[in-house]
Amino acid sequence: MLFDQPFYLSINEARWIVAQTILNEIKLQIDLSSCLDVGCGPGWFSQKLIDLGLSVTGIDGRLELVELARKRVEKAQFYCGDLESKNQISSFSAADLVFCFGLLYHTENPFRAIRNLYALTKKVLLIESIIIPGDNPIAWLVKEGQNETQGLTHYALIPSRTCTIQMLRVAGFKYVYEYNGEVNHEDFKATDTKHQRRRIFLASLVQLGVNNLVEVPEISTPKYNFSNKSTIS
Protein backbone atom coordinates (compact mmCIF):
# COMPACT_ATOMS: atom_id res chain seq x y z
CA MET A 1 0.00 0.00 0.00
CA LEU A 2 1.61 3.23 -1.21
CA PHE A 3 -0.23 5.29 1.40
CA ASP A 4 1.76 3.43 4.07
CA GLN A 5 5.14 4.35 2.58
CA PRO A 6 7.41 6.81 4.47
CA PHE A 7 6.92 9.57 1.86
CA TYR A 8 3.17 9.69 2.42
CA LEU A 9 3.37 9.23 6.17
CA SER A 10 5.89 12.05 6.57
CA ILE A 11 3.75 14.58 4.71
CA ASN A 12 0.64 13.44 6.60
CA GLU A 13 2.41 13.99 9.91
CA ALA A 14 3.52 17.47 8.88
CA ARG A 15 0.07 18.42 7.61
CA TRP A 16 -1.66 17.07 10.69
CA ILE A 17 0.44 19.09 13.12
CA VAL A 18 -0.90 22.24 11.44
CA ALA A 19 -4.45 20.96 10.94
CA GLN A 20 -4.75 19.90 14.58
CA THR A 21 -3.62 23.31 15.80
CA ILE A 22 -6.08 25.09 13.49
CA LEU A 23 -9.00 22.86 14.47
CA ASN A 24 -8.32 23.17 18.19
CA GLU A 25 -8.45 26.97 17.86
CA ILE A 26 -11.64 26.84 15.83
CA LYS A 27 -13.29 24.58 18.42
CA LEU A 28 -12.75 27.31 21.02
CA GLN A 29 -14.90 29.64 18.90
CA ILE A 30 -17.62 27.44 17.38
CA ASP A 31 -19.00 23.98 18.01
CA LEU A 32 -17.59 21.28 15.75
CA SER A 33 -19.21 17.90 16.26
CA SER A 34 -19.64 16.22 12.88
CA CYS A 35 -16.93 15.82 10.24
CA LEU A 36 -16.71 14.58 6.67
CA ASP A 37 -13.24 13.41 5.66
CA VAL A 38 -13.47 13.75 1.87
CA GLY A 39 -10.83 11.82 -0.03
CA CYS A 40 -10.17 9.81 3.13
CA GLY A 41 -8.08 7.09 1.50
CA PRO A 42 -7.31 4.30 4.01
CA GLY A 43 -8.41 6.52 6.92
CA TRP A 44 -5.19 8.02 8.29
CA PHE A 45 -6.68 11.48 8.89
CA SER A 46 -10.04 9.99 9.89
CA GLN A 47 -8.47 8.43 12.99
CA LYS A 48 -6.81 11.72 13.91
CA LEU A 49 -10.11 13.56 13.54
CA ILE A 50 -11.82 11.01 15.78
CA ASP A 51 -9.09 11.56 18.36
CA LEU A 52 -10.14 15.25 18.39
CA GLY A 53 -13.59 14.16 19.52
CA LEU A 54 -15.34 14.46 16.17
CA SER A 55 -17.95 12.12 14.72
CA VAL A 56 -16.33 11.21 11.40
CA THR A 57 -17.67 9.95 8.10
CA GLY A 58 -15.10 9.21 5.42
CA ILE A 59 -15.74 9.41 1.68
CA ASP A 60 -13.43 8.11 -1.03
CA GLY A 61 -13.80 7.36 -4.71
CA ARG A 62 -12.07 3.98 -4.54
CA LEU A 63 -13.97 1.10 -2.97
CA GLU A 64 -10.79 -0.79 -2.06
CA LEU A 65 -9.61 2.18 0.03
CA VAL A 66 -13.02 2.51 1.68
CA GLU A 67 -12.93 -1.17 2.64
CA LEU A 68 -9.44 -0.80 4.07
CA ALA A 69 -10.44 2.29 6.05
CA ARG A 70 -13.37 0.36 7.55
CA LYS A 71 -10.92 -2.22 8.86
CA ARG A 72 -8.44 0.31 10.20
CA VAL A 73 -10.78 2.89 11.75
CA GLU A 74 -13.68 1.14 13.44
CA LYS A 75 -15.16 4.24 15.06
CA ALA A 76 -15.86 6.02 11.75
CA GLN A 77 -18.28 5.32 8.94
CA PHE A 78 -16.87 5.04 5.40
CA TYR A 79 -18.59 5.23 2.04
CA CYS A 80 -17.62 5.23 -1.61
CA GLY A 81 -18.39 8.47 -3.44
CA ASP A 82 -16.98 10.59 -6.26
CA LEU A 83 -16.53 14.22 -5.17
CA GLU A 84 -17.07 15.38 -8.75
CA SER A 85 -20.51 13.75 -8.94
CA LYS A 86 -23.27 16.04 -7.68
CA ASN A 87 -25.70 13.13 -7.55
CA GLN A 88 -23.42 10.99 -5.42
CA ILE A 89 -22.40 13.81 -3.08
CA SER A 90 -26.01 14.91 -2.56
CA SER A 91 -26.68 11.58 -0.83
CA PHE A 92 -24.45 12.61 2.11
CA SER A 93 -25.58 14.84 4.97
CA ALA A 94 -23.66 18.07 5.51
CA ALA A 95 -21.25 18.28 8.47
CA ASP A 96 -19.93 21.03 10.73
CA LEU A 97 -16.43 20.42 9.40
CA VAL A 98 -15.40 19.19 5.98
CA PHE A 99 -11.79 18.04 5.89
CA CYS A 100 -10.24 17.65 2.42
CA PHE A 101 -6.49 17.13 2.31
CA GLY A 102 -4.68 15.87 -0.77
CA LEU A 103 -7.65 15.50 -3.10
CA LEU A 104 -8.47 18.66 -5.08
CA TYR A 105 -5.41 18.39 -7.33
CA HIS A 106 -6.48 14.89 -8.37
CA THR A 107 -9.81 16.04 -9.85
CA GLU A 108 -10.70 16.71 -13.48
CA ASN A 109 -13.20 19.38 -12.43
CA PRO A 110 -11.90 21.20 -9.33
CA PHE A 111 -14.59 23.89 -9.53
CA ARG A 112 -17.34 21.27 -9.43
CA ALA A 113 -15.47 19.56 -6.59
CA ILE A 114 -15.38 22.80 -4.58
CA ARG A 115 -19.07 23.46 -5.22
CA ASN A 116 -19.83 19.98 -3.92
CA LEU A 117 -17.61 20.56 -0.88
CA TYR A 118 -19.58 23.74 -0.18
CA ALA A 119 -22.82 21.78 -0.33
CA LEU A 120 -21.42 19.42 2.31
CA THR A 121 -20.24 22.18 4.66
CA LYS A 122 -22.33 23.48 7.56
CA LYS A 123 -19.61 25.66 9.06
CA VAL A 124 -16.02 25.26 7.87
CA LEU A 125 -13.97 23.57 5.16
CA LEU A 126 -10.29 22.89 5.81
CA ILE A 127 -8.60 22.12 2.51
CA GLU A 128 -5.04 21.41 1.40
CA SER A 129 -3.89 21.16 -2.19
CA ILE A 130 -1.03 21.35 -4.63
CA ILE A 131 -1.11 24.81 -6.23
CA ILE A 132 0.20 25.91 -9.62
CA PRO A 133 2.60 28.88 -9.18
CA GLY A 134 1.73 32.31 -10.59
CA ASP A 135 -0.66 35.17 -9.96
CA ASN A 136 -3.22 34.38 -12.66
CA PRO A 137 -6.43 32.40 -11.94
CA ILE A 138 -5.49 29.42 -14.09
CA ALA A 139 -5.43 25.62 -13.97
CA TRP A 140 -2.86 23.18 -15.37
CA LEU A 141 -3.88 19.88 -16.96
CA VAL A 142 -1.69 16.94 -15.92
CA LYS A 143 -1.58 13.23 -16.65
CA GLU A 144 -1.19 11.34 -13.41
CA GLY A 145 0.31 8.02 -12.47
CA GLN A 146 -1.62 4.75 -12.55
CA ASN A 147 -1.92 3.86 -8.88
CA GLU A 148 -4.32 4.13 -5.95
CA THR A 149 -2.92 7.45 -4.73
CA GLN A 150 -3.92 9.26 -7.91
CA GLY A 151 -7.25 10.51 -9.32
CA LEU A 152 -10.03 8.27 -10.59
CA THR A 153 -9.39 9.11 -14.26
CA HIS A 154 -5.63 9.74 -13.95
CA TYR A 155 -6.07 13.22 -15.42
CA ALA A 156 -6.39 16.34 -13.31
CA LEU A 157 -6.68 20.13 -13.52
CA ILE A 158 -4.50 21.69 -10.83
CA PRO A 159 -5.59 25.27 -10.01
CA SER A 160 -3.40 28.20 -9.08
CA ARG A 161 -3.65 29.97 -5.72
CA THR A 162 -5.87 32.77 -7.03
CA CYS A 163 -8.01 30.30 -8.94
CA THR A 164 -8.53 28.21 -5.81
CA ILE A 165 -9.40 31.21 -3.66
CA GLN A 166 -11.89 32.59 -6.17
CA MET A 167 -13.54 29.19 -6.68
CA LEU A 168 -14.06 28.95 -2.92
CA ARG A 169 -15.67 32.39 -2.85
CA VAL A 170 -17.86 31.85 -5.89
CA ALA A 171 -19.01 28.50 -4.50
CA GLY A 172 -20.51 30.41 -1.55
CA PHE A 173 -17.95 30.62 1.26
CA LYS A 174 -18.17 34.09 2.80
CA TYR A 175 -14.75 33.95 4.46
CA VAL A 176 -11.60 32.48 2.92
CA TYR A 177 -8.35 32.28 4.88
CA GLU A 178 -4.87 31.19 3.84
CA TYR A 179 -2.38 29.58 6.21
CA ASN A 180 0.93 31.46 6.28
CA GLY A 181 2.65 29.65 9.14
CA GLU A 182 5.30 26.95 9.09
CA VAL A 183 4.66 23.44 7.78
CA ASN A 184 7.60 21.12 8.36
CA HIS A 185 7.72 19.62 4.87
CA GLU A 186 9.59 20.73 1.76
CA ASP A 187 6.40 20.87 -0.36
CA PHE A 188 5.22 23.85 1.72
CA LYS A 189 8.46 25.82 1.41
CA ALA A 190 9.72 28.07 -1.36
CA THR A 191 13.43 28.26 -2.14
CA ASP A 192 15.61 30.14 -4.62
CA THR A 193 15.14 27.30 -7.09
CA LYS A 194 11.67 25.94 -6.27
CA HIS A 195 8.16 27.34 -5.86
CA GLN A 196 6.00 26.44 -2.89
CA ARG A 197 4.07 23.37 -4.03
CA ARG A 198 1.25 23.05 -1.48
CA ARG A 199 -0.99 25.41 0.48
CA ILE A 200 -3.65 25.15 3.18
CA PHE A 201 -6.89 27.14 3.10
CA LEU A 202 -9.81 27.54 5.46
CA ALA A 203 -13.17 28.42 3.92
CA SER A 204 -15.90 29.33 6.36
CA LEU A 205 -19.50 30.45 6.64
CA VAL A 206 -18.66 32.30 9.87
CA GLN A 207 -15.88 34.74 10.66
CA LEU A 208 -13.01 33.26 12.67
CA GLY A 209 -9.77 34.39 14.21
CA VAL A 210 -7.02 31.74 14.06
CA ASN A 211 -3.27 32.20 14.41
CA ASN A 212 -1.40 32.11 11.08
CA LEU A 213 -4.62 32.19 9.08
CA VAL A 214 -4.97 35.39 7.07
CA GLU A 215 -8.26 36.37 5.48
CA VAL A 216 -7.84 36.74 1.74
CA PRO A 217 -9.55 39.73 0.10
CA GLU A 218 -11.81 39.20 -2.87
CA ILE A 219 -9.83 38.56 -6.05
CA SER A 220 -10.70 40.12 -9.40
CA THR A 221 -10.97 37.67 -12.30
CA PRO A 222 -11.70 39.78 -15.42
CA LYS A 223 -12.02 38.37 -18.91
CA TYR A 224 -8.72 37.37 -20.45
CA ASN A 225 -6.90 40.14 -22.34
CA PHE A 226 -6.09 38.75 -25.78
CA SER A 227 -4.03 41.75 -26.85
CA ASN A 228 -0.48 40.84 -27.88
CA LYS A 229 0.84 44.32 -27.17
CA SER A 230 3.13 44.73 -24.18
CA THR A 231 1.56 48.09 -23.29
CA ILE A 232 -2.06 49.10 -23.79
CA SER A 233 -2.82 52.81 -23.94
C-alpha atoms as a PDB file:
ATOM      1  CA  MET A   1       0.000   0.000   0.000  1.00  0.00           C
ATOM      2  CA  LEU A   2       1.614   3.226  -1.214  1.00  0.00           C
ATOM      3  CA  PHE A   3      -0.230   5.294   1.401  1.00  0.00           C
ATOM      4  CA  ASP A   4       1.760   3.433   4.065  1.00  0.00           C
ATOM      5  CA  GLN A   5       5.139   4.350   2.584  1.00  0.00           C
ATOM      6  CA  PRO A   6       7.412   6.812   4.475  1.00  0.00           C
ATOM      7  CA  PHE A   7       6.923   9.568   1.858  1.00  0.00           C
ATOM      8  CA  TYR A   8       3.169   9.686   2.421  1.00  0.00           C
ATOM      9  CA  LEU A   9       3.367   9.231   6.166  1.00  0.00           C
ATOM     10  CA  SER A  10       5.889  12.055   6.572  1.00  0.00           C
ATOM     11  CA  ILE A  11       3.746  14.576   4.709  1.00  0.00           C
ATOM     12  CA  ASN A  12       0.643  13.445   6.600  1.00  0.00           C
ATOM     13  CA  GLU A  13       2.412  13.988   9.913  1.00  0.00           C
ATOM     14  CA  ALA A  14       3.520  17.473   8.883  1.00  0.00           C
ATOM     15  CA  ARG A  15       0.069  18.417   7.611  1.00  0.00           C
ATOM     16  CA  TRP A  16      -1.664  17.068  10.690  1.00  0.00           C
ATOM     17  CA  ILE A  17       0.442  19.094  13.123  1.00  0.00           C
ATOM     18  CA  VAL A  18      -0.900  22.236  11.438  1.00  0.00           C
ATOM     19  CA  ALA A  19      -4.447  20.956  10.937  1.00  0.00           C
ATOM     20  CA  GLN A  20      -4.753  19.896  14.576  1.00  0.00           C
ATOM     21  CA  THR A  21      -3.620  23.308  15.795  1.00  0.00           C
ATOM     22  CA  ILE A  22      -6.083  25.089  13.495  1.00  0.00           C
ATOM     23  CA  LEU A  23      -9.000  22.859  14.471  1.00  0.00           C
ATOM     24  CA  ASN A  24      -8.320  23.167  18.187  1.00  0.00           C
ATOM     25  CA  GLU A  25      -8.445  26.967  17.857  1.00  0.00           C
ATOM     26  CA  ILE A  26     -11.644  26.843  15.830  1.00  0.00           C
ATOM     27  CA  LYS A  27     -13.287  24.577  18.419  1.00  0.00           C
ATOM     28  CA  LEU A  28     -12.752  27.308  21.019  1.00  0.00           C
ATOM     29  CA  GLN A  29     -14.900  29.638  18.896  1.00  0.00           C
ATOM     30  CA  ILE A  30     -17.617  27.443  17.375  1.00  0.00           C
ATOM     31  CA  ASP A  31     -19.000  23.978  18.011  1.00  0.00           C
ATOM     32  CA  LEU A  32     -17.592  21.278  15.748  1.00  0.00           C
ATOM     33  CA  SER A  33     -19.208  17.896  16.261  1.00  0.00           C
ATOM     34  CA  SER A  34     -19.637  16.217  12.876  1.00  0.00           C
ATOM     35  CA  CYS A  35     -16.934  15.818  10.243  1.00  0.00           C
ATOM     36  CA  LEU A  36     -16.709  14.583   6.667  1.00  0.00           C
ATOM     37  CA  ASP A  37     -13.236  13.412   5.656  1.00  0.00           C
ATOM     38  CA  VAL A  38     -13.475  13.750   1.872  1.00  0.00           C
ATOM     39  CA  GLY A  39     -10.828  11.821  -0.026  1.00  0.00           C
ATOM     40  CA  CYS A  40     -10.167   9.814   3.129  1.00  0.00           C
ATOM     41  CA  GLY A  41      -8.085   7.088   1.498  1.00  0.00           C
ATOM     42  CA  PRO A  42      -7.312   4.303   4.012  1.00  0.00           C
ATOM     43  CA  GLY A  43      -8.408   6.521   6.923  1.00  0.00           C
ATOM     44  CA  TRP A  44      -5.191   8.018   8.287  1.00  0.00           C
ATOM     45  CA  PHE A  45      -6.677  11.485   8.890  1.00  0.00           C
ATOM     46  CA  SER A  46     -10.036   9.991   9.890  1.00  0.00           C
ATOM     47  CA  GLN A  47      -8.474   8.428  12.987  1.00  0.00           C
ATOM     48  CA  LYS A  48      -6.809  11.715  13.907  1.00  0.00           C
ATOM     49  CA  LEU A  49     -10.107  13.563  13.543  1.00  0.00           C
ATOM     50  CA  ILE A  50     -11.820  11.011  15.778  1.00  0.00           C
ATOM     51  CA  ASP A  51      -9.091  11.561  18.363  1.00  0.00           C
ATOM     52  CA  LEU A  52     -10.138  15.248  18.393  1.00  0.00           C
ATOM     53  CA  GLY A  53     -13.590  14.165  19.523  1.00  0.00           C
ATOM     54  CA  LEU A  54     -15.337  14.465  16.166  1.00  0.00           C
ATOM     55  CA  SER A  55     -17.952  12.122  14.724  1.00  0.00           C
ATOM     56  CA  VAL A  56     -16.326  11.212  11.398  1.00  0.00           C
ATOM     57  CA  THR A  57     -17.675   9.954   8.102  1.00  0.00           C
ATOM     58  CA  GLY A  58     -15.102   9.213   5.420  1.00  0.00           C
ATOM     59  CA  ILE A  59     -15.738   9.408   1.680  1.00  0.00           C
ATOM     60  CA  ASP A  60     -13.427   8.115  -1.029  1.00  0.00           C
ATOM     61  CA  GLY A  61     -13.798   7.364  -4.712  1.00  0.00           C
ATOM     62  CA  ARG A  62     -12.072   3.980  -4.535  1.00  0.00           C
ATOM     63  CA  LEU A  63     -13.971   1.105  -2.969  1.00  0.00           C
ATOM     64  CA  GLU A  64     -10.785  -0.789  -2.065  1.00  0.00           C
ATOM     65  CA  LEU A  65      -9.614   2.179   0.030  1.00  0.00           C
ATOM     66  CA  VAL A  66     -13.024   2.506   1.676  1.00  0.00           C
ATOM     67  CA  GLU A  67     -12.935  -1.167   2.640  1.00  0.00           C
ATOM     68  CA  LEU A  68      -9.436  -0.799   4.069  1.00  0.00           C
ATOM     69  CA  ALA A  69     -10.442   2.291   6.045  1.00  0.00           C
ATOM     70  CA  ARG A  70     -13.370   0.360   7.547  1.00  0.00           C
ATOM     71  CA  LYS A  71     -10.920  -2.225   8.862  1.00  0.00           C
ATOM     72  CA  ARG A  72      -8.439   0.306  10.195  1.00  0.00           C
ATOM     73  CA  VAL A  73     -10.776   2.886  11.750  1.00  0.00           C
ATOM     74  CA  GLU A  74     -13.679   1.138  13.438  1.00  0.00           C
ATOM     75  CA  LYS A  75     -15.158   4.244  15.057  1.00  0.00           C
ATOM     76  CA  ALA A  76     -15.858   6.018  11.749  1.00  0.00           C
ATOM     77  CA  GLN A  77     -18.280   5.322   8.936  1.00  0.00           C
ATOM     78  CA  PHE A  78     -16.871   5.035   5.395  1.00  0.00           C
ATOM     79  CA  TYR A  79     -18.594   5.231   2.038  1.00  0.00           C
ATOM     80  CA  CYS A  80     -17.621   5.233  -1.612  1.00  0.00           C
ATOM     81  CA  GLY A  81     -18.392   8.471  -3.437  1.00  0.00           C
ATOM     82  CA  ASP A  82     -16.979  10.586  -6.258  1.00  0.00           C
ATOM     83  CA  LEU A  83     -16.531  14.220  -5.172  1.00  0.00           C
ATOM     84  CA  GLU A  84     -17.073  15.385  -8.750  1.00  0.00           C
ATOM     85  CA  SER A  85     -20.506  13.752  -8.938  1.00  0.00           C
ATOM     86  CA  LYS A  86     -23.267  16.041  -7.676  1.00  0.00           C
ATOM     87  CA  ASN A  87     -25.699  13.125  -7.555  1.00  0.00           C
ATOM     88  CA  GLN A  88     -23.420  10.992  -5.415  1.00  0.00           C
ATOM     89  CA  ILE A  89     -22.402  13.805  -3.075  1.00  0.00           C
ATOM     90  CA  SER A  90     -26.005  14.913  -2.565  1.00  0.00           C
ATOM     91  CA  SER A  91     -26.682  11.582  -0.829  1.00  0.00           C
ATOM     92  CA  PHE A  92     -24.453  12.611   2.108  1.00  0.00           C
ATOM     93  CA  SER A  93     -25.578  14.843   4.965  1.00  0.00           C
ATOM     94  CA  ALA A  94     -23.663  18.068   5.514  1.00  0.00           C
ATOM     95  CA  ALA A  95     -21.245  18.281   8.465  1.00  0.00           C
ATOM     96  CA  ASP A  96     -19.926  21.027  10.730  1.00  0.00           C
ATOM     97  CA  LEU A  97     -16.429  20.416   9.402  1.00  0.00           C
ATOM     98  CA  VAL A  98     -15.404  19.193   5.983  1.00  0.00           C
ATOM     99  CA  PHE A  99     -11.786  18.037   5.886  1.00  0.00           C
ATOM    100  CA  CYS A 100     -10.241  17.652   2.424  1.00  0.00           C
ATOM    101  CA  PHE A 101      -6.495  17.130   2.308  1.00  0.00           C
ATOM    102  CA  GLY A 102      -4.675  15.870  -0.771  1.00  0.00           C
ATOM    103  CA  LEU A 103      -7.646  15.498  -3.105  1.00  0.00           C
ATOM    104  CA  LEU A 104      -8.472  18.659  -5.078  1.00  0.00           C
ATOM    105  CA  TYR A 105      -5.411  18.394  -7.328  1.00  0.00           C
ATOM    106  CA  HIS A 106      -6.475  14.887  -8.369  1.00  0.00           C
ATOM    107  CA  THR A 107      -9.809  16.040  -9.846  1.00  0.00           C
ATOM    108  CA  GLU A 108     -10.701  16.714 -13.476  1.00  0.00           C
ATOM    109  CA  ASN A 109     -13.202  19.380 -12.429  1.00  0.00           C
ATOM    110  CA  PRO A 110     -11.895  21.203  -9.333  1.00  0.00           C
ATOM    111  CA  PHE A 111     -14.594  23.892  -9.533  1.00  0.00           C
ATOM    112  CA  ARG A 112     -17.337  21.268  -9.425  1.00  0.00           C
ATOM    113  CA  ALA A 113     -15.474  19.556  -6.591  1.00  0.00           C
ATOM    114  CA  ILE A 114     -15.378  22.797  -4.584  1.00  0.00           C
ATOM    115  CA  ARG A 115     -19.073  23.460  -5.222  1.00  0.00           C
ATOM    116  CA  ASN A 116     -19.827  19.980  -3.919  1.00  0.00           C
ATOM    117  CA  LEU A 117     -17.606  20.565  -0.882  1.00  0.00           C
ATOM    118  CA  TYR A 118     -19.575  23.737  -0.182  1.00  0.00           C
ATOM    119  CA  ALA A 119     -22.817  21.776  -0.332  1.00  0.00           C
ATOM    120  CA  LEU A 120     -21.421  19.418   2.313  1.00  0.00           C
ATOM    121  CA  THR A 121     -20.243  22.185   4.663  1.00  0.00           C
ATOM    122  CA  LYS A 122     -22.334  23.476   7.563  1.00  0.00           C
ATOM    123  CA  LYS A 123     -19.614  25.661   9.063  1.00  0.00           C
ATOM    124  CA  VAL A 124     -16.018  25.263   7.869  1.00  0.00           C
ATOM    125  CA  LEU A 125     -13.972  23.567   5.158  1.00  0.00           C
ATOM    126  CA  LEU A 126     -10.290  22.889   5.807  1.00  0.00           C
ATOM    127  CA  ILE A 127      -8.598  22.116   2.511  1.00  0.00           C
ATOM    128  CA  GLU A 128      -5.035  21.406   1.400  1.00  0.00           C
ATOM    129  CA  SER A 129      -3.887  21.162  -2.193  1.00  0.00           C
ATOM    130  CA  ILE A 130      -1.029  21.353  -4.634  1.00  0.00           C
ATOM    131  CA  ILE A 131      -1.110  24.810  -6.225  1.00  0.00           C
ATOM    132  CA  ILE A 132       0.200  25.910  -9.621  1.00  0.00           C
ATOM    133  CA  PRO A 133       2.601  28.884  -9.184  1.00  0.00           C
ATOM    134  CA  GLY A 134       1.731  32.310 -10.586  1.00  0.00           C
ATOM    135  CA  ASP A 135      -0.664  35.167  -9.961  1.00  0.00           C
ATOM    136  CA  ASN A 136      -3.220  34.384 -12.659  1.00  0.00           C
ATOM    137  CA  PRO A 137      -6.434  32.401 -11.939  1.00  0.00           C
ATOM    138  CA  ILE A 138      -5.486  29.419 -14.092  1.00  0.00           C
ATOM    139  CA  ALA A 139      -5.433  25.617 -13.974  1.00  0.00           C
ATOM    140  CA  TRP A 140      -2.862  23.178 -15.369  1.00  0.00           C
ATOM    141  CA  LEU A 141      -3.877  19.879 -16.964  1.00  0.00           C
ATOM    142  CA  VAL A 142      -1.690  16.940 -15.924  1.00  0.00           C
ATOM    143  CA  LYS A 143      -1.583  13.231 -16.650  1.00  0.00           C
ATOM    144  CA  GLU A 144      -1.191  11.336 -13.407  1.00  0.00           C
ATOM    145  CA  GLY A 145       0.312   8.019 -12.471  1.00  0.00           C
ATOM    146  CA  GLN A 146      -1.619   4.748 -12.553  1.00  0.00           C
ATOM    147  CA  ASN A 147      -1.918   3.864  -8.878  1.00  0.00           C
ATOM    148  CA  GLU A 148      -4.322   4.126  -5.953  1.00  0.00           C
ATOM    149  CA  THR A 149      -2.924   7.454  -4.726  1.00  0.00           C
ATOM    150  CA  GLN A 150      -3.925   9.258  -7.908  1.00  0.00           C
ATOM    151  CA  GLY A 151      -7.247  10.508  -9.320  1.00  0.00           C
ATOM    152  CA  LEU A 152     -10.028   8.275 -10.587  1.00  0.00           C
ATOM    153  CA  THR A 153      -9.393   9.112 -14.256  1.00  0.00           C
ATOM    154  CA  HIS A 154      -5.631   9.738 -13.951  1.00  0.00           C
ATOM    155  CA  TYR A 155      -6.068  13.220 -15.416  1.00  0.00           C
ATOM    156  CA  ALA A 156      -6.392  16.341 -13.307  1.00  0.00           C
ATOM    157  CA  LEU A 157      -6.677  20.127 -13.520  1.00  0.00           C
ATOM    158  CA  ILE A 158      -4.501  21.695 -10.828  1.00  0.00           C
ATOM    159  CA  PRO A 159      -5.592  25.269 -10.009  1.00  0.00           C
ATOM    160  CA  SER A 160      -3.398  28.204  -9.084  1.00  0.00           C
ATOM    161  CA  ARG A 161      -3.651  29.969  -5.724  1.00  0.00           C
ATOM    162  CA  THR A 162      -5.871  32.770  -7.031  1.00  0.00           C
ATOM    163  CA  CYS A 163      -8.010  30.298  -8.945  1.00  0.00           C
ATOM    164  CA  THR A 164      -8.532  28.209  -5.808  1.00  0.00           C
ATOM    165  CA  ILE A 165      -9.399  31.212  -3.660  1.00  0.00           C
ATOM    166  CA  GLN A 166     -11.890  32.587  -6.169  1.00  0.00           C
ATOM    167  CA  MET A 167     -13.536  29.194  -6.682  1.00  0.00           C
ATOM    168  CA  LEU A 168     -14.063  28.947  -2.918  1.00  0.00           C
ATOM    169  CA  ARG A 169     -15.666  32.389  -2.846  1.00  0.00           C
ATOM    170  CA  VAL A 170     -17.864  31.852  -5.894  1.00  0.00           C
ATOM    171  CA  ALA A 171     -19.015  28.501  -4.496  1.00  0.00           C
ATOM    172  CA  GLY A 172     -20.511  30.408  -1.551  1.00  0.00           C
ATOM    173  CA  PHE A 173     -17.949  30.619   1.256  1.00  0.00           C
ATOM    174  CA  LYS A 174     -18.167  34.090   2.803  1.00  0.00           C
ATOM    175  CA  TYR A 175     -14.746  33.950   4.464  1.00  0.00           C
ATOM    176  CA  VAL A 176     -11.595  32.483   2.923  1.00  0.00           C
ATOM    177  CA  TYR A 177      -8.347  32.278   4.878  1.00  0.00           C
ATOM    178  CA  GLU A 178      -4.866  31.195   3.837  1.00  0.00           C
ATOM    179  CA  TYR A 179      -2.375  29.584   6.207  1.00  0.00           C
ATOM    180  CA  ASN A 180       0.926  31.464   6.285  1.00  0.00           C
ATOM    181  CA  GLY A 181       2.648  29.645   9.140  1.00  0.00           C
ATOM    182  CA  GLU A 182       5.296  26.946   9.094  1.00  0.00           C
ATOM    183  CA  VAL A 183       4.663  23.445   7.784  1.00  0.00           C
ATOM    184  CA  ASN A 184       7.597  21.119   8.360  1.00  0.00           C
ATOM    185  CA  HIS A 185       7.725  19.617   4.871  1.00  0.00           C
ATOM    186  CA  GLU A 186       9.590  20.725   1.758  1.00  0.00           C
ATOM    187  CA  ASP A 187       6.402  20.875  -0.356  1.00  0.00           C
ATOM    188  CA  PHE A 188       5.224  23.852   1.717  1.00  0.00           C
ATOM    189  CA  LYS A 189       8.461  25.816   1.408  1.00  0.00           C
ATOM    190  CA  ALA A 190       9.717  28.071  -1.360  1.00  0.00           C
ATOM    191  CA  THR A 191      13.432  28.264  -2.141  1.00  0.00           C
ATOM    192  CA  ASP A 192      15.607  30.141  -4.620  1.00  0.00           C
ATOM    193  CA  THR A 193      15.140  27.301  -7.087  1.00  0.00           C
ATOM    194  CA  LYS A 194      11.666  25.943  -6.273  1.00  0.00           C
ATOM    195  CA  HIS A 195       8.158  27.336  -5.857  1.00  0.00           C
ATOM    196  CA  GLN A 196       6.003  26.438  -2.885  1.00  0.00           C
ATOM    197  CA  ARG A 197       4.067  23.366  -4.028  1.00  0.00           C
ATOM    198  CA  ARG A 198       1.249  23.055  -1.477  1.00  0.00           C
ATOM    199  CA  ARG A 199      -0.990  25.412   0.482  1.00  0.00           C
ATOM    200  CA  ILE A 200      -3.650  25.147   3.180  1.00  0.00           C
ATOM    201  CA  PHE A 201      -6.892  27.142   3.098  1.00  0.00           C
ATOM    202  CA  LEU A 202      -9.814  27.543   5.462  1.00  0.00           C
ATOM    203  CA  ALA A 203     -13.165  28.423   3.918  1.00  0.00           C
ATOM    204  CA  SER A 204     -15.904  29.334   6.360  1.00  0.00           C
ATOM    205  CA  LEU A 205     -19.497  30.448   6.640  1.00  0.00           C
ATOM    206  CA  VAL A 206     -18.663  32.300   9.870  1.00  0.00           C
ATOM    207  CA  GLN A 207     -15.877  34.742  10.660  1.00  0.00           C
ATOM    208  CA  LEU A 208     -13.011  33.256  12.665  1.00  0.00           C
ATOM    209  CA  GLY A 209      -9.766  34.388  14.210  1.00  0.00           C
ATOM    210  CA  VAL A 210      -7.023  31.743  14.064  1.00  0.00           C
ATOM    211  CA  ASN A 211      -3.272  32.199  14.412  1.00  0.00           C
ATOM    212  CA  ASN A 212      -1.399  32.112  11.084  1.00  0.00           C
ATOM    213  CA  LEU A 213      -4.624  32.190   9.080  1.00  0.00           C
ATOM    214  CA  VAL A 214      -4.966  35.393   7.068  1.00  0.00           C
ATOM    215  CA  GLU A 215      -8.258  36.370   5.479  1.00  0.00           C
ATOM    216  CA  VAL A 216      -7.845  36.743   1.736  1.00  0.00           C
ATOM    217  CA  PRO A 217      -9.551  39.731   0.100  1.00  0.00           C
ATOM    218  CA  GLU A 218     -11.811  39.200  -2.873  1.00  0.00           C
ATOM    219  CA  ILE A 219      -9.833  38.558  -6.052  1.00  0.00           C
ATOM    220  CA  SER A 220     -10.705  40.122  -9.397  1.00  0.00           C
ATOM    221  CA  THR A 221     -10.967  37.669 -12.303  1.00  0.00           C
ATOM    222  CA  PRO A 222     -11.698  39.775 -15.418  1.00  0.00           C
ATOM    223  CA  LYS A 223     -12.015  38.365 -18.905  1.00  0.00           C
ATOM    224  CA  TYR A 224      -8.715  37.372 -20.448  1.00  0.00           C
ATOM    225  CA  ASN A 225      -6.900  40.139 -22.338  1.00  0.00           C
ATOM    226  CA  PHE A 226      -6.094  38.750 -25.781  1.00  0.00           C
ATOM    227  CA  SER A 227      -4.035  41.746 -26.850  1.00  0.00           C
ATOM    228  CA  ASN A 228      -0.480  40.838 -27.885  1.00  0.00           C
ATOM    229  CA  LYS A 229       0.837  44.324 -27.167  1.00  0.00           C
ATOM    230  CA  SER A 230       3.127  44.727 -24.176  1.00  0.00           C
ATOM    231  CA  THR A 231       1.559  48.095 -23.290  1.00  0.00           C
ATOM    232  CA  ILE A 232      -2.063  49.099 -23.786  1.00  0.00           C
ATOM    233  CA  SER A 233      -2.819  52.812 -23.935  1.00  0.00           C
END
